Amino acid sequence: MELKRIHHVAVICSDYQASKHFYTQVLKLKIVAENYRPERESYKLDLALPDGGQIELFSFPNPPPRPSNPEAQGLRHLAFNVDSVAVYAAYLQAADVEVEPIRIDEFTGKPFTFFKDPDGLPLELYQL
């Protein structure tokens, strides 16, 4: 018995429409399913990643903000593999997304950088 890969990562957003736009239009993730749960006043949006994994985007009334950035206890950031960090970072900047300067991982020698979703969730680009 062994773990195979990540199935999904769940993200709670404060502004559902802004986050839906960011993940589907800027990051270009495809919608698998979108459901509204009236009893919870909550949307659940399933987004497909190219490797078969998913991001679940949730909305809830008045979610508490992230305690600190990025060194809060719990999930630190979500990282995406890309063919070229520089090319994808330029694409994000053209879409008015602020991107940190590209750095080199001291252990692997691979380029990486960080940017944030509409709620300030740290996202990373990591070169294959």
Foldseek 3Di string as FASTA:
>chain_A
DDDDDAQEAEDEDADVVQLVCCCCPLVNWDWPDWDQDVVQRKIWTWTADPVNHTYIYMYGPPDDAQPDQQPGPDDRAAEDEDQDQVVSCVSCVVVVWDKDDWDADPVPRWIKTWTAGPRRGIYMYTYD
